[in-house]
Protein backbone atom coordinates (compact mmCIF):
# COMPACT_ATOMS: atom_id res chain seq x y z
CA MET A 1 -3.82 16.38 4.58
CA VAL A 2 -4.18 13.92 1.91
CA PHE A 3 -7.22 11.72 1.01
CA TRP A 4 -5.76 9.12 3.42
CA SER A 5 -5.08 11.39 6.42
CA PRO A 6 -7.63 10.14 9.41
CA LYS A 7 -9.20 12.59 11.39
CA PRO A 8 -9.23 12.83 14.88
CA ASN A 9 -12.25 11.08 16.85
CA GLY A 10 -13.67 12.90 19.75
CA ARG A 11 -11.07 13.40 22.91
CA ASN A 12 -9.25 10.87 23.01
CA PRO A 13 -6.02 11.40 21.14
CA LYS A 14 -5.51 7.72 20.14
CA LYS A 15 -8.71 7.74 18.09
CA PHE A 16 -9.29 8.39 14.61
CA CYS A 17 -12.09 8.19 11.65
CA LEU A 18 -11.39 8.43 8.01
CA LEU A 19 -14.62 8.89 5.28
CA ALA A 20 -13.99 6.17 2.79
CA SER A 21 -14.21 8.31 -0.11
CA THR A 22 -14.20 8.24 -3.86
CA GLN A 23 -10.49 8.60 -4.18
CA ALA A 24 -9.67 5.68 -1.79
CA CYS A 25 -11.63 3.34 -3.29
CA VAL A 26 -11.81 0.83 -6.28
CA GLY A 27 -13.74 -1.42 -7.20
CA PRO A 28 -17.22 -1.77 -10.08
CA ALA A 29 -19.99 0.89 -10.12
CA GLY A 30 -22.37 -0.13 -6.63
CA ARG A 31 -19.76 -2.09 -4.91
CA GLU A 32 -16.79 0.29 -4.15
CA PHE A 33 -14.55 -0.46 -1.20
CA ILE A 34 -11.81 1.34 -0.05
CA MET A 35 -8.56 -0.36 -1.03
CA GLY A 36 -6.72 -2.09 1.61
CA GLY A 37 -3.71 -0.03 0.56
CA VAL A 38 -5.43 3.16 1.81
CA ALA A 39 -6.26 1.92 4.92
CA GLN A 40 -3.20 0.76 5.51
CA ALA A 41 -1.85 4.14 4.71
CA ALA A 42 -4.47 5.89 6.88
CA ALA A 43 -3.31 3.73 10.18
CA ILE A 44 0.27 4.09 9.62
CA GLU A 45 -0.80 7.73 10.06
CA ALA A 46 -2.35 7.13 13.34
CA ALA A 47 0.11 5.51 14.47
CA GLU A 48 2.61 7.93 13.80
CA ILE A 49 0.59 10.66 15.26
CA VAL A 50 0.12 8.80 18.86
CA SER A 51 4.24 7.65 18.64
CA GLY A 52 5.58 10.38 17.56
CA LYS A 53 7.48 8.64 15.76
CA PRO A 54 8.11 7.38 11.90
CA LEU A 55 6.91 4.27 10.38
CA LEU A 56 9.75 1.34 10.45
CA TRP A 57 7.44 -1.83 10.30
CA SER A 58 4.02 -2.66 9.66
CA THR A 59 1.55 -5.99 8.70
CA ILE A 60 -1.59 -5.41 8.40
CA GLN A 61 -4.03 -8.14 7.50
CA PHE A 62 -7.54 -7.86 5.73
CA ILE A 63 -10.56 -9.28 7.25
CA ASN A 64 -13.43 -7.45 5.84
CA ALA A 65 -14.13 -4.56 3.10
CA GLY A 66 -15.02 -0.62 3.90
CA PHE A 67 -17.29 0.66 1.58
CA ALA A 68 -17.26 3.81 0.14
CA ASN A 69 -19.06 6.67 2.33
CA GLN A 70 -18.23 4.25 4.78
CA SER A 71 -16.76 6.06 8.57
CA ILE A 72 -14.29 3.61 9.31
CA ASP A 73 -12.66 4.44 13.22
CA PHE A 74 -9.12 3.46 14.41
CA GLU A 75 -7.72 2.94 17.49
CA VAL A 76 -4.17 3.13 18.29
CA GLU A 77 -3.03 0.96 21.18
CA VAL A 78 0.34 1.31 22.11
CA LEU A 79 2.03 -2.27 23.43
CA GLY A 80 5.36 -1.50 24.24
CA GLY A 81 8.44 0.16 22.98
CA GLY A 82 11.50 2.51 25.08
CA ARG A 83 13.17 5.35 24.11
CA SER A 84 13.56 4.63 19.92
CA ILE A 85 10.69 2.25 19.24
CA SER A 86 7.52 2.07 19.79
CA GLN A 87 5.14 -1.27 18.82
CA VAL A 88 1.78 -0.79 18.81
CA LEU A 89 -1.57 -2.18 17.24
CA VAL A 90 -3.98 -0.23 15.09
CA THR A 91 -7.90 -1.67 14.98
CA LEU A 92 -9.97 -0.06 12.39
CA THR A 93 -13.28 -0.94 12.59
CA ALA A 94 -17.00 0.22 10.71
CA ASP A 95 -20.40 -0.45 12.14
CA GLY A 96 -19.03 -2.33 15.05
CA THR A 97 -17.20 -5.09 12.24
CA VAL A 98 -13.39 -5.78 12.19
CA LEU A 99 -12.23 -4.73 9.27
CA GLN A 100 -8.38 -4.91 9.53
CA THR A 101 -5.66 -5.25 12.34
CA MET A 102 -2.09 -3.90 12.06
CA SER A 103 0.94 -4.33 14.13
CA ALA A 104 3.76 -1.79 13.80
CA ALA A 105 6.96 -0.58 15.18
CA LEU A 106 8.41 3.07 14.69
CA GLY A 107 11.04 4.97 15.23
CA GLY A 108 14.67 4.01 14.96
CA ARG A 109 17.97 4.16 15.74
CA GLN A 110 20.88 6.61 13.77
CA GLY A 111 23.12 5.03 11.90
CA THR A 112 24.57 4.70 8.39
CA GLU A 113 22.40 3.57 5.50
CA ARG A 114 23.25 1.12 3.18
CA GLN A 115 21.38 -0.84 0.56
CA PHE A 116 21.97 -3.98 -0.66
CA VAL A 117 19.17 -4.86 -2.72
CA SER A 118 19.98 -3.00 -6.60
CA MET A 119 17.43 -1.50 -8.62
CA PRO A 120 16.79 -3.21 -12.56
CA THR A 121 18.10 -1.66 -15.19
CA VAL A 122 14.40 -0.30 -16.97
CA ALA A 123 13.70 2.03 -19.45
CA ALA A 124 12.52 5.85 -18.22
CA PRO A 125 8.94 6.67 -17.15
CA GLU A 126 8.19 8.01 -20.56
CA ASP A 127 9.99 5.55 -22.67
CA CYS A 128 7.68 2.80 -21.28
CA SER A 129 3.70 2.08 -22.27
CA ILE A 130 1.12 3.28 -20.15
CA LYS A 131 -0.73 0.74 -17.75
CA THR A 132 -4.40 0.76 -18.51
CA ASP A 133 -6.98 -1.84 -16.86
CA LEU A 134 -9.13 -2.49 -19.89
CA ASP A 135 -12.84 -1.96 -17.54
CA HIS A 136 -11.69 0.61 -15.33
CA ASN A 137 -13.93 3.74 -16.45
CA ASN A 138 -13.90 5.86 -13.05
CA ASP A 139 -11.89 8.86 -13.84
CA GLN A 140 -12.32 9.80 -10.01
CA ASP A 141 -11.45 6.59 -7.49
CA LEU A 142 -8.10 5.62 -6.69
CA ILE A 143 -6.65 4.31 -9.88
CA ALA A 144 -7.33 7.69 -11.11
CA GLN A 145 -5.13 9.84 -8.73
CA PHE A 146 -2.12 7.83 -10.84
CA GLU A 147 -0.54 6.98 -13.91
CA ARG A 148 1.56 3.92 -14.33
CA ARG A 149 3.99 3.21 -17.21
CA MET A 150 5.08 -0.60 -17.43
CA ALA A 151 8.97 -1.57 -17.72
CA ILE A 152 9.10 -4.98 -16.97
CA GLU A 153 6.48 -7.83 -18.05
CA ALA A 154 7.83 -11.37 -17.59
CA PRO A 155 5.15 -13.36 -16.22
CA ASP A 156 6.89 -16.78 -16.59
CA LYS A 157 9.43 -15.34 -14.37
CA GLY A 158 6.78 -14.27 -12.01
CA LEU A 159 8.72 -10.92 -12.39
CA GLY A 160 6.62 -7.16 -12.91
CA ALA A 161 7.74 -3.25 -12.68
CA MET A 162 5.75 -0.86 -12.39
CA TRP A 163 6.56 3.09 -12.49
CA ILE A 164 3.75 4.72 -10.68
CA ARG A 165 3.55 8.62 -9.40
CA SER A 166 0.59 10.53 -8.49
CA LYS A 167 -0.95 12.98 -10.59
CA ASP A 168 -1.23 15.31 -7.40
CA ALA A 169 2.81 15.35 -7.07
CA LEU A 170 2.37 14.10 -3.48
CA PRO A 171 5.47 13.79 -1.44
CA ILE A 172 6.98 10.22 -0.33
CA THR A 173 5.50 9.62 2.80
CA ALA A 174 4.83 5.74 4.03
CA GLY A 175 1.89 6.16 3.60
CA LEU A 176 2.11 6.93 0.08
CA LEU A 177 4.13 3.84 -0.19
CA ALA A 178 1.68 1.59 1.67
CA ILE A 179 -0.69 2.46 -0.83
CA THR A 180 2.02 2.28 -4.32
CA SER A 181 2.91 -1.49 -2.82
CA ASP A 182 -0.51 -2.70 -2.63
CA PHE A 183 -0.54 -3.03 -6.36
CA MET A 184 1.46 -6.13 -6.50
CA LEU A 185 -1.28 -8.35 -7.66
CA GLY A 186 -1.87 -6.67 -10.50
CA LEU A 187 1.71 -6.77 -12.05
CA HIS A 188 0.83 -10.34 -12.74
CA PRO A 189 -2.04 -11.58 -15.59
CA GLU A 190 -2.52 -14.52 -13.15
CA SER A 191 -2.90 -12.53 -10.00
CA PHE A 192 -4.58 -9.88 -11.31
CA ARG A 193 -7.74 -8.79 -9.94
CA GLY A 194 -6.68 -11.23 -6.47
CA THR A 195 -7.92 -10.48 -3.28
CA SER A 196 -5.26 -9.32 -0.88
CA LEU A 197 -5.02 -11.16 2.51
CA ASP A 198 -1.77 -9.19 3.72
CA ASN A 199 0.69 -6.56 3.34
CA THR A 200 4.11 -6.65 5.41
CA PHE A 201 5.52 -3.39 4.74
CA ARG A 202 8.95 -1.76 5.55
CA VAL A 203 10.33 1.70 4.92
CA PHE A 204 13.64 1.85 4.32
CA SER A 205 13.92 5.62 3.34
CA THR A 206 11.49 8.41 1.64
CA HIS A 207 13.83 10.11 -0.39
CA SER A 208 11.95 12.08 -2.71
CA THR A 209 11.44 11.31 -6.34
CA GLU A 210 8.63 11.84 -8.79
CA TRP A 211 8.61 8.30 -10.24
CA ILE A 212 8.21 5.68 -7.72
CA LEU A 213 9.23 2.11 -9.07
CA CYS A 214 7.34 -1.05 -8.07
CA VAL A 215 9.06 -3.89 -8.72
CA THR A 216 7.60 -7.72 -7.84
CA GLN A 217 9.01 -10.68 -7.60
CA MET A 218 6.13 -13.98 -7.58
CA SER A 219 7.66 -16.14 -5.23
CA GLY A 220 4.58 -18.56 -6.42
CA PHE A 221 1.53 -19.85 -6.82
CA ARG A 222 -0.13 -22.54 -4.49
CA ASP A 223 -3.99 -23.83 -3.41
CA GLY A 224 -5.32 -20.32 -5.43
CA ALA A 225 -3.31 -18.18 -3.40
CA ALA A 226 0.08 -15.57 -4.91
CA MET A 227 2.93 -14.63 -2.70
CA GLY A 228 5.22 -12.11 -4.04
CA VAL A 229 8.16 -9.39 -2.42
CA THR A 230 7.95 -5.78 -4.03
CA HIS A 231 10.83 -3.62 -3.78
CA GLN A 232 10.20 0.10 -4.38
CA PHE A 233 13.16 2.28 -5.68
CA THR A 234 13.67 5.78 -6.94
CA GLN A 235 14.13 6.82 -10.41
CA ASN A 236 17.81 7.07 -9.42
CA GLY A 237 17.71 4.18 -7.37
CA GLN A 238 17.49 4.61 -3.77
CA LEU A 239 15.40 1.86 -1.80
CA LEU A 240 12.41 3.25 -0.46
CA SER A 241 10.77 -0.04 0.61
CA VAL A 242 10.25 -3.59 1.16
CA SER A 243 6.52 -5.44 1.06
CA SER A 244 5.34 -8.96 1.31
CA GLN A 245 1.68 -9.78 0.42
CA THR A 246 -0.11 -12.99 0.14
CA GLY A 247 -2.94 -12.68 -2.12
CA LEU A 248 -6.17 -15.53 -3.05
CA LEU A 249 -6.07 -15.65 -6.86
CA PRO A 250 -9.08 -14.58 -8.78
CA ARG A 251 -11.66 -17.12 -10.17
CA SER A 252 -10.98 -17.89 -13.40
CA GLU A 253 -13.80 -15.72 -15.57
CA ASN A 254 -12.17 -12.66 -13.76
CA ARG A 255 -8.81 -12.84 -15.27
CA ARG A 256 -7.70 -10.65 -18.31
């Protein structure tokens, strides 16, 4: 069990719940909220339990925030599929309010693994500068659960790459990769402190690695919104996941 693992909620095997613990939350003191990537990770785990299959793809819409110490309910609905694939819808609510909805496909068919995208050449994690957020002073929240090091900083090209690892040496799972993929907006100075609207997340593999390299290419900014794509790799260049997000850029006074 990890801090995003949902628990059964009653006798219905398709219903779960999760308490938004400090570990799952980000935000300023008194206004902490569950990080969108954590909500997606919990929804993924619920979907995997119900379907009995590993995640292939999911897309989540962040509608409302769930706050620290709030109990979040998850309901999984199997919409279709067959022996190889299950198509599901997961609805997240709290106190009767819909927080997120996630559509997902789980499963797959046996076949060869071929990777076409390559990891960029970067310095090893220990040779990269530690990433710190100047206004972050919480040693218990989600940010504090990870060590981060910057490998590429090229904002003029919309490109950023960051090494990240769990301080608890957690195994590589779809849930963990969903969380680390949600750091996308923080890899560009103009989108840092922005608000994620969605995350479309695809699992390519769950190969073991100590450090994950998150490579984010911003596609562009328009009408106050950021759009970008993140590829995640193992230390030896094996592809882990592909994700894409839309986010609102922060108001200018919040940028640092």
